[in-house]
N, C-alpha and C. Protein backbone atom coordinates (compact mmCIF):
# COMPACT_ATOMS: atom_id res chain seq x y z
N MET A 1 11.60 27.58 1.99
CA MET A 1 11.74 27.61 3.56
C MET A 1 10.62 26.73 4.22
N ARG A 2 10.87 25.85 4.86
CA ARG A 2 9.86 24.89 5.43
C ARG A 2 9.26 25.60 6.64
N ARG A 3 8.08 25.31 6.75
CA ARG A 3 7.53 26.00 7.91
C ARG A 3 7.51 25.23 9.22
N ARG A 4 7.94 25.97 10.45
CA ARG A 4 8.29 25.50 11.79
C ARG A 4 7.17 26.26 12.97
N VAL A 5 6.42 24.94 13.32
CA VAL A 5 5.50 25.72 14.22
C VAL A 5 5.51 24.89 15.43
N ILE A 6 5.15 25.26 16.65
CA ILE A 6 5.14 24.75 17.91
C ILE A 6 3.49 24.28 18.33
N GLY A 7 3.53 22.98 18.90
CA GLY A 7 1.95 22.57 19.49
C GLY A 7 2.13 21.44 20.33
N ILE A 8 1.10 21.01 20.88
CA ILE A 8 0.85 20.16 21.90
C ILE A 8 0.43 18.93 21.23
N VAL A 9 1.12 17.84 21.78
CA VAL A 9 0.91 16.36 21.34
C VAL A 9 -0.50 16.01 22.13
N THR A 10 -1.27 15.41 21.21
CA THR A 10 -2.62 15.20 21.88
C THR A 10 -2.94 13.47 21.82
N ARG A 11 -2.29 12.80 20.89
CA ARG A 11 -2.43 11.56 20.57
C ARG A 11 -1.05 10.81 20.43
N ASP A 12 -0.62 9.77 21.28
CA ASP A 12 0.62 9.09 20.85
C ASP A 12 0.47 7.24 20.68
N LYS A 13 -0.75 7.10 20.37
CA LYS A 13 -1.19 5.60 20.54
C LYS A 13 -0.25 4.79 19.56
N THR A 14 0.02 5.21 18.32
CA THR A 14 0.55 4.65 17.38
C THR A 14 1.87 5.11 17.12
N LEU A 15 2.42 3.76 16.76
CA LEU A 15 4.31 3.88 16.58
C LEU A 15 4.56 4.92 15.65
N LYS A 16 5.79 5.64 15.86
CA LYS A 16 6.19 6.72 15.14
C LYS A 16 5.21 7.87 14.64
N THR A 17 3.94 8.08 15.27
CA THR A 17 3.31 8.93 14.76
C THR A 17 2.53 9.38 15.81
N ARG A 18 2.47 10.93 15.68
CA ARG A 18 1.93 11.87 16.90
C ARG A 18 1.19 12.85 16.15
N ARG A 19 -0.20 13.09 16.98
CA ARG A 19 -1.27 13.93 16.45
C ARG A 19 -0.58 15.08 17.42
N VAL A 20 -0.66 16.22 16.71
CA VAL A 20 -0.28 17.73 17.23
C VAL A 20 -1.20 18.56 16.94
N GLU A 21 -1.64 19.25 18.06
CA GLU A 21 -2.49 20.36 17.87
C GLU A 21 -1.68 21.74 17.66
N VAL A 22 -1.77 22.69 16.73
CA VAL A 22 -1.25 24.06 16.78
C VAL A 22 -2.35 24.85 16.83
N GLU A 23 -2.21 25.65 17.94
CA GLU A 23 -3.14 26.65 18.27
C GLU A 23 -3.01 28.20 17.45
N ARG A 24 -3.80 28.80 16.55
CA ARG A 24 -3.76 30.00 16.05
C ARG A 24 -4.59 30.87 16.39
N SER A 25 -4.43 32.22 16.72
CA SER A 25 -5.46 33.27 17.23
C SER A 25 -5.33 34.46 16.04
N TYR A 26 -6.22 34.94 15.78
CA TYR A 26 -6.36 35.86 15.02
C TYR A 26 -7.50 36.68 14.97
N ARG A 27 -7.52 38.20 14.50
CA ARG A 27 -8.55 38.88 14.70
C ARG A 27 -9.63 39.15 13.53
N HIS A 28 -11.00 38.82 13.69
CA HIS A 28 -11.93 38.61 12.61
C HIS A 28 -11.83 40.02 11.87
N PRO A 29 -12.02 39.92 10.38
CA PRO A 29 -11.48 41.03 9.68
C PRO A 29 -12.64 42.00 9.56
N LYS A 30 -13.99 41.74 9.95
CA LYS A 30 -15.07 42.61 10.06
C LYS A 30 -15.44 43.04 11.43
N TYR A 31 -15.51 42.08 12.27
CA TYR A 31 -15.95 42.32 13.72
C TYR A 31 -15.02 42.73 14.90
N GLY A 32 -13.41 42.16 14.48
CA GLY A 32 -12.67 42.56 15.38
C GLY A 32 -12.32 41.48 16.48
N LYS A 33 -12.97 40.84 16.71
CA LYS A 33 -13.09 39.81 17.65
C LYS A 33 -11.62 38.90 17.46
N THR A 34 -11.06 38.51 18.44
CA THR A 34 -10.08 37.67 18.58
C THR A 34 -10.53 36.21 18.61
N LEU A 35 -10.31 35.47 17.69
CA LEU A 35 -10.75 34.09 17.47
C LEU A 35 -9.57 33.15 17.50
N ARG A 36 -9.72 32.12 17.97
CA ARG A 36 -8.52 30.94 18.26
C ARG A 36 -9.15 29.65 17.74
N THR A 37 -8.37 29.26 16.49
CA THR A 37 -8.55 27.95 15.97
C THR A 37 -7.29 27.09 16.22
N ARG A 38 -7.81 25.63 15.95
CA ARG A 38 -6.54 24.81 16.19
C ARG A 38 -6.53 23.95 14.66
N THR A 39 -5.24 23.62 14.54
CA THR A 39 -4.93 22.79 13.36
C THR A 39 -4.39 21.35 13.74
N ILE A 40 -4.73 20.47 13.06
CA ILE A 40 -4.04 19.31 13.50
C ILE A 40 -3.29 18.34 12.56
N CYS A 41 -2.04 18.37 13.16
CA CYS A 41 -1.02 17.80 12.22
C CYS A 41 -0.62 16.55 12.77
N TYR A 42 -0.40 15.61 11.94
CA TYR A 42 -0.11 14.15 12.03
C TYR A 42 1.37 14.28 11.89
N THR A 43 2.26 13.78 12.92
CA THR A 43 3.48 14.09 12.87
C THR A 43 4.60 12.74 13.04
N HIS A 44 5.63 12.71 12.07
CA HIS A 44 6.47 11.54 12.32
C HIS A 44 7.46 11.76 13.47
N ASP A 45 7.41 10.78 14.39
CA ASP A 45 8.50 10.89 15.43
C ASP A 45 9.16 9.17 15.42
N GLU A 46 10.46 9.52 14.79
CA GLU A 46 11.21 8.40 14.75
C GLU A 46 11.37 7.39 15.83
N ASP A 47 11.72 8.25 16.94
CA ASP A 47 12.22 7.38 18.16
C ASP A 47 11.32 7.50 19.34
N ASN A 48 9.98 7.80 19.03
CA ASN A 48 8.96 7.62 19.84
C ASN A 48 9.33 8.50 21.01
N THR A 49 9.82 9.72 20.86
CA THR A 49 10.21 10.36 22.09
C THR A 49 9.27 11.39 22.55
N SER A 50 8.32 11.76 21.99
CA SER A 50 7.14 12.73 22.55
C SER A 50 5.91 11.87 23.19
N HIS A 51 5.10 12.18 24.06
CA HIS A 51 4.09 11.70 24.51
C HIS A 51 3.11 12.68 24.45
N ILE A 52 1.90 12.29 25.27
CA ILE A 52 0.82 13.52 25.30
C ILE A 52 0.99 14.31 26.38
N GLY A 53 0.52 15.52 25.81
CA GLY A 53 0.76 16.95 26.59
C GLY A 53 1.99 17.54 26.35
N ASP A 54 3.10 16.74 25.65
CA ASP A 54 4.57 17.51 25.40
C ASP A 54 4.27 18.85 24.56
N LEU A 55 5.03 19.68 24.65
CA LEU A 55 5.18 20.84 23.96
C LEU A 55 6.25 20.51 22.65
N VAL A 56 6.12 20.48 21.31
CA VAL A 56 7.03 19.92 20.31
C VAL A 56 7.03 20.79 19.64
N GLU A 57 8.34 21.06 18.69
CA GLU A 57 8.71 21.70 17.61
C GLU A 57 8.40 20.88 16.32
N ILE A 58 7.55 21.14 15.13
CA ILE A 58 7.59 20.32 14.24
C ILE A 58 8.03 21.01 12.77
N ILE A 59 8.21 20.35 11.87
CA ILE A 59 8.59 21.17 10.33
C ILE A 59 7.85 20.37 9.22
N GLU A 60 7.63 21.18 8.37
CA GLU A 60 7.00 20.48 7.03
C GLU A 60 7.87 19.54 6.59
N CYS A 61 7.19 18.39 5.83
CA CYS A 61 8.36 17.65 5.20
C CYS A 61 7.62 17.26 4.03
N ARG A 62 8.05 16.25 3.05
CA ARG A 62 7.30 15.74 2.10
C ARG A 62 6.55 14.67 2.70
N PRO A 63 5.31 14.40 1.63
CA PRO A 63 4.23 13.34 2.50
C PRO A 63 4.81 12.00 2.90
N MET A 64 4.64 11.76 3.91
CA MET A 64 5.10 10.23 4.36
C MET A 64 3.89 9.09 4.27
N SER A 65 2.74 9.77 4.48
CA SER A 65 1.60 8.73 4.36
C SER A 65 0.49 9.36 3.96
N ARG A 66 -0.69 8.79 4.01
CA ARG A 66 -1.88 9.59 3.75
C ARG A 66 -2.28 11.02 4.61
N LEU A 67 -1.79 10.84 5.79
CA LEU A 67 -2.15 11.92 6.76
C LEU A 67 -0.93 12.66 6.84
N LYS A 68 0.46 11.81 7.12
CA LYS A 68 1.76 12.82 7.84
C LYS A 68 2.04 13.55 6.93
N ARG A 69 2.35 15.01 7.27
CA ARG A 69 3.20 15.87 6.36
C ARG A 69 4.30 16.38 7.16
N TRP A 70 4.37 16.22 8.47
CA TRP A 70 5.28 16.82 9.30
C TRP A 70 6.16 16.07 9.91
N ARG A 71 7.33 16.29 10.56
CA ARG A 71 8.42 15.74 11.02
C ARG A 71 8.74 16.51 12.51
N LEU A 72 8.98 15.76 13.49
CA LEU A 72 9.21 16.04 14.81
C LEU A 72 10.66 16.51 14.70
N VAL A 73 10.85 17.64 15.35
CA VAL A 73 12.26 18.47 15.36
C VAL A 73 12.91 18.26 16.82
N LYS A 74 12.16 18.69 17.81
CA LYS A 74 12.46 18.21 19.12
C LYS A 74 11.38 18.47 20.21
N VAL A 75 11.66 18.14 21.18
CA VAL A 75 10.49 18.12 22.49
C VAL A 75 10.77 19.36 23.17
N VAL A 76 9.81 20.63 23.22
CA VAL A 76 10.50 21.93 23.73
C VAL A 76 10.30 21.68 25.16
N ARG A 77 9.19 21.22 25.64
CA ARG A 77 8.80 21.12 27.13
C ARG A 77 7.96 19.62 27.32
N ALA A 78 8.49 18.69 28.07
CA ALA A 78 7.79 17.48 28.50
C ALA A 78 6.89 17.74 29.62
N ASN A 79 5.77 16.97 29.25
CA ASN A 79 4.58 16.83 30.38
C ASN A 79 5.19 16.18 31.51
N LYS A 80 4.87 17.03 32.63
CA LYS A 80 5.22 16.47 34.08
C LYS A 80 4.42 15.12 34.52
N ALA A 81 3.12 15.27 33.97
CA ALA A 81 2.12 14.19 34.36
C ALA A 81 2.62 12.95 33.68
N THR A 82 3.30 12.98 32.35
CA THR A 82 3.33 11.67 31.65
C THR A 82 5.06 11.13 32.08
N ALA A 83 5.76 11.88 33.07
CA ALA A 83 6.88 11.48 33.58
C ALA A 83 6.76 10.23 34.56
N THR A 84 5.53 10.27 35.27
CA THR A 84 5.26 9.42 36.34
C THR A 84 4.73 8.16 35.75
N VAL A 85 5.05 7.04 36.33
CA VAL A 85 4.74 5.78 35.57
C VAL A 85 3.55 5.26 36.66
N ALA A 86 2.18 4.82 35.81
CA ALA A 86 1.13 4.31 36.68
C ALA A 86 1.50 3.01 36.85
N PRO A 87 0.79 2.38 38.04
CA PRO A 87 0.67 1.03 38.12
C PRO A 87 0.37 -0.09 37.28
N PRO A 88 0.83 -1.22 36.86
CA PRO A 88 0.08 -2.05 36.00
C PRO A 88 -1.30 -2.37 36.25
N ALA A 89 -1.98 -2.69 35.22
CA ALA A 89 -3.50 -2.92 35.65
C ALA A 89 -3.63 -4.28 36.29
N ALA A 90 -3.00 -5.02 36.13
CA ALA A 90 -2.91 -6.40 36.80
C ALA A 90 -2.69 -6.19 38.56
N ALA A 91 -2.12 -4.99 38.83
CA ALA A 91 -1.56 -4.99 40.28
C ALA A 91 -2.84 -4.34 40.62
N VAL A 92 -3.64 -3.31 40.03
CA VAL A 92 -4.71 -2.74 40.54
C VAL A 92 -5.92 -3.86 40.81
N ALA A 93 -5.96 -4.89 39.65
CA ALA A 93 -7.05 -5.67 39.54
C ALA A 93 -7.09 -6.64 40.96
N GLU A 94 -5.90 -6.92 41.17
CA GLU A 94 -5.66 -8.20 42.11
C GLU A 94 -6.50 -7.71 43.58
N PRO A 95 -6.40 -6.50 44.24
CA PRO A 95 -7.17 -6.24 45.39
C PRO A 95 -8.50 -6.50 45.45
N ALA A 96 -9.32 -6.07 44.12
CA ALA A 96 -10.46 -6.07 43.96
C ALA A 96 -10.94 -7.74 43.92
N ALA A 97 -10.05 -8.31 43.19
CA ALA A 97 -10.44 -9.95 43.34
C ALA A 97 -10.40 -10.60 44.68
N ALA A 98 -9.31 -9.94 45.47
CA ALA A 98 -9.22 -10.89 46.54
C ALA A 98 -10.32 -10.33 48.04
N ALA A 99 -10.98 -9.21 47.57
CA ALA A 99 -12.17 -8.88 48.21
C ALA A 99 -13.17 -9.60 48.35
N ASN A 100 -13.35 -10.14 47.02
CA ASN A 100 -14.68 -11.16 46.87
C ASN A 100 -14.39 -12.31 47.39
């Protein structure tokens, strides 16, 4: 049985590769304090459907490269901040050049 986990996309700069952080909490065996740890998984995203901040479901697979051992199953929840498109950098730079 292959493991399925849910995590948040933290990097999407490379084509077909996403960096997903999976958070896990557990109790310390001796002191009982609840600890939170993060596991970083490099994930294969064939269609580039996920973006930074998205909640995604990933599954274990065969090694695809030196770091990639996971494959994207689906985007559970899209990040609303990435849905808005920022203006191009050239449009932002023009008013500053006109002011000089």
